[in-house]
Amino acid sequence: VRATRNGRYLSFSTSVSNEGLADAPYVVLMVLADGTAVKELSLEGIAVGSTKSVTINNIRVPSETNQITLQVLNRDDTSDLDINDNRVDLVTKSQ
């Protein structure tokens, strides 16, 4: 993950990979600011062994935000082998 924050605006680039045993037909990337959702991005489906790159610019976050969390969720009913590997926490400082 590469991320920058300028005041209330967050920009980032990341890659999301499916290293599981089954296709993930409906995947979303949640952006949370101190635990509160600020953006939900549909990544559509990700086949086994595939990777999707995501670049987002200028998501508005509250100015007092200390931690940004990127959480990948599979919105269909298939189970995930390890939900703990679907999240990254970023500590940000406004520029």
N, C-alpha and C. Protein backbone atom coordinates (compact mmCIF):
# COMPACT_ATOMS: atom_id res chain seq x y z
N VAL A 1 0.85 -1.18 0.00
CA VAL A 1 0.00 0.00 0.00
C VAL A 1 0.89 1.24 0.00
N ARG A 2 0.54 2.17 -0.87
CA ARG A 2 1.18 3.49 -0.86
C ARG A 2 0.08 4.50 -0.60
N ALA A 3 0.25 5.31 0.43
CA ALA A 3 -0.80 6.25 0.79
C ALA A 3 -0.20 7.60 1.15
N THR A 4 -0.94 8.66 0.81
CA THR A 4 -0.59 10.01 1.23
C THR A 4 -1.86 10.69 1.72
N ARG A 5 -1.67 11.58 2.63
CA ARG A 5 -2.78 12.35 3.14
C ARG A 5 -2.41 13.82 3.13
N ASN A 6 -3.28 14.61 2.56
CA ASN A 6 -3.07 16.05 2.50
C ASN A 6 -4.30 16.71 3.11
N GLY A 7 -4.18 17.13 4.36
CA GLY A 7 -5.32 17.70 5.06
C GLY A 7 -6.41 16.66 5.25
N ARG A 8 -7.59 16.95 4.71
CA ARG A 8 -8.73 16.03 4.83
C ARG A 8 -8.79 15.00 3.71
N TYR A 9 -7.81 14.97 2.83
CA TYR A 9 -7.91 14.13 1.64
C TYR A 9 -6.85 13.03 1.65
N LEU A 10 -7.31 11.81 1.40
CA LEU A 10 -6.47 10.62 1.37
C LEU A 10 -6.41 10.09 -0.05
N SER A 11 -5.22 9.76 -0.50
CA SER A 11 -5.02 9.08 -1.78
C SER A 11 -4.19 7.84 -1.52
N PHE A 12 -4.50 6.76 -2.24
CA PHE A 12 -3.71 5.54 -2.04
C PHE A 12 -3.74 4.66 -3.28
N SER A 13 -2.75 3.79 -3.35
CA SER A 13 -2.66 2.73 -4.36
C SER A 13 -2.40 1.43 -3.61
N THR A 14 -3.06 0.37 -4.04
CA THR A 14 -2.87 -0.92 -3.42
C THR A 14 -3.19 -2.02 -4.41
N SER A 15 -2.83 -3.23 -4.09
CA SER A 15 -3.18 -4.41 -4.88
C SER A 15 -3.94 -5.38 -3.99
N VAL A 16 -4.97 -6.01 -4.56
CA VAL A 16 -5.77 -7.00 -3.83
C VAL A 16 -5.65 -8.31 -4.60
N SER A 17 -5.18 -9.34 -3.91
CA SER A 17 -4.98 -10.66 -4.53
C SER A 17 -5.91 -11.70 -3.93
N ASN A 18 -6.33 -12.64 -4.76
CA ASN A 18 -7.09 -13.78 -4.27
C ASN A 18 -6.16 -14.98 -4.26
N GLU A 19 -5.65 -15.31 -3.08
CA GLU A 19 -4.75 -16.44 -2.91
C GLU A 19 -5.48 -17.62 -2.27
N GLY A 20 -6.80 -17.61 -2.38
CA GLY A 20 -7.62 -18.65 -1.76
C GLY A 20 -7.82 -19.85 -2.65
N LEU A 21 -8.85 -20.61 -2.32
CA LEU A 21 -9.16 -21.86 -3.03
C LEU A 21 -10.36 -21.73 -3.95
N ALA A 22 -11.03 -20.56 -3.93
CA ALA A 22 -12.23 -20.36 -4.75
C ALA A 22 -12.27 -18.93 -5.25
N ASP A 23 -12.97 -18.73 -6.36
CA ASP A 23 -13.18 -17.39 -6.87
C ASP A 23 -13.96 -16.56 -5.86
N ALA A 24 -13.72 -15.27 -5.86
CA ALA A 24 -14.46 -14.34 -5.01
C ALA A 24 -15.29 -13.46 -5.95
N PRO A 25 -16.58 -13.77 -6.12
CA PRO A 25 -17.38 -13.12 -7.16
C PRO A 25 -17.79 -11.68 -6.88
N TYR A 26 -17.83 -11.25 -5.63
CA TYR A 26 -18.25 -9.88 -5.32
C TYR A 26 -17.41 -9.35 -4.17
N VAL A 27 -16.37 -8.61 -4.52
CA VAL A 27 -15.40 -8.13 -3.54
C VAL A 27 -15.51 -6.61 -3.42
N VAL A 28 -15.45 -6.13 -2.19
CA VAL A 28 -15.43 -4.68 -1.96
C VAL A 28 -14.23 -4.33 -1.10
N LEU A 29 -13.74 -3.12 -1.30
CA LEU A 29 -12.68 -2.57 -0.48
C LEU A 29 -13.30 -1.45 0.34
N MET A 30 -13.29 -1.64 1.65
CA MET A 30 -13.83 -0.63 2.57
C MET A 30 -12.69 0.25 3.05
N VAL A 31 -12.94 1.54 3.08
CA VAL A 31 -11.99 2.51 3.64
C VAL A 31 -12.63 3.05 4.91
N LEU A 32 -11.94 2.85 6.02
CA LEU A 32 -12.46 3.31 7.31
C LEU A 32 -11.51 4.33 7.92
N ALA A 33 -12.08 5.37 8.51
CA ALA A 33 -11.31 6.39 9.22
C ALA A 33 -11.63 6.25 10.70
N ASP A 34 -10.65 5.83 11.48
CA ASP A 34 -10.85 5.57 12.91
C ASP A 34 -12.06 4.66 13.14
N GLY A 35 -12.23 3.64 12.30
CA GLY A 35 -13.27 2.65 12.46
C GLY A 35 -14.61 2.99 11.82
N THR A 36 -14.75 4.17 11.24
CA THR A 36 -15.99 4.58 10.59
C THR A 36 -15.82 4.52 9.08
N ALA A 37 -16.75 3.85 8.40
CA ALA A 37 -16.65 3.73 6.94
C ALA A 37 -16.79 5.09 6.27
N VAL A 38 -15.84 5.38 5.36
CA VAL A 38 -15.91 6.62 4.59
C VAL A 38 -16.06 6.36 3.09
N LYS A 39 -15.76 5.13 2.66
CA LYS A 39 -15.87 4.80 1.24
C LYS A 39 -15.95 3.29 1.09
N GLU A 40 -16.78 2.83 0.15
CA GLU A 40 -16.85 1.42 -0.23
C GLU A 40 -16.66 1.35 -1.73
N LEU A 41 -15.65 0.58 -2.15
CA LEU A 41 -15.31 0.47 -3.56
C LEU A 41 -15.55 -0.95 -4.04
N SER A 42 -16.34 -1.12 -5.09
CA SER A 42 -16.58 -2.44 -5.65
C SER A 42 -15.39 -2.84 -6.52
N LEU A 43 -14.85 -4.02 -6.25
CA LEU A 43 -13.77 -4.58 -7.06
C LEU A 43 -14.30 -5.67 -7.97
N GLU A 44 -15.62 -5.85 -7.97
CA GLU A 44 -16.29 -6.91 -8.73
C GLU A 44 -15.71 -8.25 -8.30
N GLY A 45 -15.49 -9.17 -9.20
CA GLY A 45 -14.96 -10.49 -8.84
C GLY A 45 -13.46 -10.57 -9.00
N ILE A 46 -12.86 -11.44 -8.19
CA ILE A 46 -11.43 -11.72 -8.31
C ILE A 46 -11.28 -13.24 -8.37
N ALA A 47 -10.78 -13.72 -9.48
CA ALA A 47 -10.58 -15.16 -9.65
C ALA A 47 -9.39 -15.63 -8.82
N VAL A 48 -9.39 -16.92 -8.51
CA VAL A 48 -8.26 -17.52 -7.78
C VAL A 48 -6.96 -17.22 -8.54
N GLY A 49 -5.96 -16.77 -7.81
CA GLY A 49 -4.66 -16.48 -8.40
C GLY A 49 -4.56 -15.13 -9.08
N SER A 50 -5.64 -14.35 -9.09
CA SER A 50 -5.64 -13.05 -9.75
C SER A 50 -5.39 -11.91 -8.76
N THR A 51 -4.96 -10.79 -9.31
CA THR A 51 -4.70 -9.58 -8.54
C THR A 51 -5.33 -8.40 -9.23
N LYS A 52 -5.92 -7.50 -8.46
CA LYS A 52 -6.45 -6.25 -8.99
C LYS A 52 -5.71 -5.10 -8.33
N SER A 53 -5.34 -4.12 -9.14
CA SER A 53 -4.70 -2.90 -8.63
C SER A 53 -5.74 -1.81 -8.50
N VAL A 54 -5.63 -1.04 -7.43
CA VAL A 54 -6.59 0.02 -7.15
C VAL A 54 -5.83 1.30 -6.84
N THR A 55 -6.22 2.40 -7.48
CA THR A 55 -5.68 3.72 -7.16
C THR A 55 -6.85 4.65 -6.94
N ILE A 56 -6.89 5.28 -5.80
CA ILE A 56 -7.96 6.20 -5.43
C ILE A 56 -7.33 7.53 -5.00
N ASN A 57 -7.90 8.60 -5.50
CA ASN A 57 -7.39 9.93 -5.15
C ASN A 57 -8.46 10.75 -4.45
N ASN A 58 -8.04 11.45 -3.42
CA ASN A 58 -8.83 12.49 -2.75
C ASN A 58 -10.14 12.01 -2.13
N ILE A 59 -10.05 10.95 -1.32
CA ILE A 59 -11.19 10.56 -0.48
C ILE A 59 -11.17 11.50 0.72
N ARG A 60 -12.29 12.10 1.00
CA ARG A 60 -12.36 13.01 2.14
C ARG A 60 -12.51 12.22 3.44
N VAL A 61 -11.64 12.51 4.39
CA VAL A 61 -11.69 11.89 5.72
C VAL A 61 -11.72 13.01 6.76
N PRO A 62 -12.27 12.75 7.93
CA PRO A 62 -12.27 13.78 8.97
C PRO A 62 -10.85 14.23 9.30
N SER A 63 -10.69 15.50 9.55
CA SER A 63 -9.35 16.06 9.78
C SER A 63 -8.66 15.48 11.01
N GLU A 64 -9.42 15.03 12.01
CA GLU A 64 -8.83 14.49 13.23
C GLU A 64 -8.50 13.00 13.14
N THR A 65 -8.67 12.39 11.97
CA THR A 65 -8.42 10.96 11.79
C THR A 65 -6.97 10.60 12.07
N ASN A 66 -6.78 9.55 12.88
CA ASN A 66 -5.45 9.05 13.19
C ASN A 66 -5.11 7.75 12.48
N GLN A 67 -6.13 6.93 12.23
CA GLN A 67 -5.88 5.62 11.62
C GLN A 67 -6.84 5.38 10.47
N ILE A 68 -6.27 4.97 9.35
CA ILE A 68 -7.04 4.56 8.18
C ILE A 68 -6.94 3.04 8.08
N THR A 69 -8.06 2.38 7.86
CA THR A 69 -8.07 0.93 7.68
C THR A 69 -8.61 0.61 6.30
N LEU A 70 -7.91 -0.24 5.58
CA LEU A 70 -8.39 -0.78 4.31
C LEU A 70 -8.77 -2.23 4.58
N GLN A 71 -10.04 -2.56 4.35
CA GLN A 71 -10.57 -3.89 4.65
C GLN A 71 -11.20 -4.46 3.39
N VAL A 72 -10.75 -5.64 2.97
CA VAL A 72 -11.31 -6.32 1.82
C VAL A 72 -12.36 -7.31 2.31
N LEU A 73 -13.56 -7.23 1.72
CA LEU A 73 -14.65 -8.11 2.10
C LEU A 73 -15.19 -8.83 0.88
N ASN A 74 -15.49 -10.10 1.03
CA ASN A 74 -16.15 -10.88 0.00
C ASN A 74 -17.64 -10.85 0.35
N ARG A 75 -18.45 -10.17 -0.46
CA ARG A 75 -19.85 -9.93 -0.11
C ARG A 75 -20.79 -11.08 -0.45
N ASP A 76 -20.28 -12.16 -1.03
CA ASP A 76 -21.19 -13.29 -1.21
C ASP A 76 -21.09 -14.18 0.03
N ASP A 77 -21.71 -15.32 0.01
CA ASP A 77 -21.79 -16.15 1.20
C ASP A 77 -20.66 -17.15 1.36
N THR A 78 -19.64 -17.09 0.51
CA THR A 78 -18.54 -18.05 0.67
C THR A 78 -17.68 -17.65 1.86
N SER A 79 -17.13 -18.64 2.51
CA SER A 79 -16.31 -18.36 3.68
C SER A 79 -14.88 -18.03 3.26
N ASP A 80 -14.20 -17.34 4.13
CA ASP A 80 -12.82 -16.94 3.90
C ASP A 80 -11.94 -17.77 4.83
N LEU A 81 -10.84 -18.29 4.31
CA LEU A 81 -9.95 -19.11 5.14
C LEU A 81 -9.33 -18.33 6.28
N ASP A 82 -8.96 -17.07 6.02
CA ASP A 82 -8.31 -16.26 7.04
C ASP A 82 -8.70 -14.80 6.85
N ILE A 83 -9.71 -14.36 7.57
CA ILE A 83 -10.21 -12.99 7.45
C ILE A 83 -9.16 -11.98 7.92
N ASN A 84 -8.20 -12.40 8.75
CA ASN A 84 -7.19 -11.48 9.29
C ASN A 84 -6.20 -10.98 8.24
N ASP A 85 -6.09 -11.68 7.10
CA ASP A 85 -5.15 -11.22 6.07
C ASP A 85 -5.83 -10.28 5.07
N ASN A 86 -7.03 -9.83 5.37
CA ASN A 86 -7.77 -8.96 4.46
C ASN A 86 -7.81 -7.51 4.92
N ARG A 87 -6.88 -7.13 5.76
CA ARG A 87 -6.95 -5.81 6.38
C ARG A 87 -5.55 -5.22 6.54
N VAL A 88 -5.47 -3.90 6.35
CA VAL A 88 -4.24 -3.18 6.65
C VAL A 88 -4.62 -1.90 7.37
N ASP A 89 -3.88 -1.58 8.44
CA ASP A 89 -4.10 -0.34 9.18
C ASP A 89 -2.95 0.61 8.89
N LEU A 90 -3.31 1.86 8.60
CA LEU A 90 -2.33 2.89 8.32
C LEU A 90 -2.45 4.00 9.35
N VAL A 91 -1.34 4.42 9.91
CA VAL A 91 -1.34 5.58 10.78
C VAL A 91 -0.92 6.75 9.90
N THR A 92 -1.77 7.77 9.85
CA THR A 92 -1.50 8.88 8.94
C THR A 92 -1.26 10.17 9.68
N LYS A 93 -0.48 11.00 9.05
CA LYS A 93 -0.26 12.37 9.52
C LYS A 93 -0.59 13.29 8.37
N SER A 94 -1.41 14.26 8.65
CA SER A 94 -1.79 15.20 7.61
C SER A 94 -0.60 16.06 7.24
N GLN A 95 -0.48 16.34 5.92
CA GLN A 95 0.62 17.19 5.44
C GLN A 95 0.18 18.63 5.38
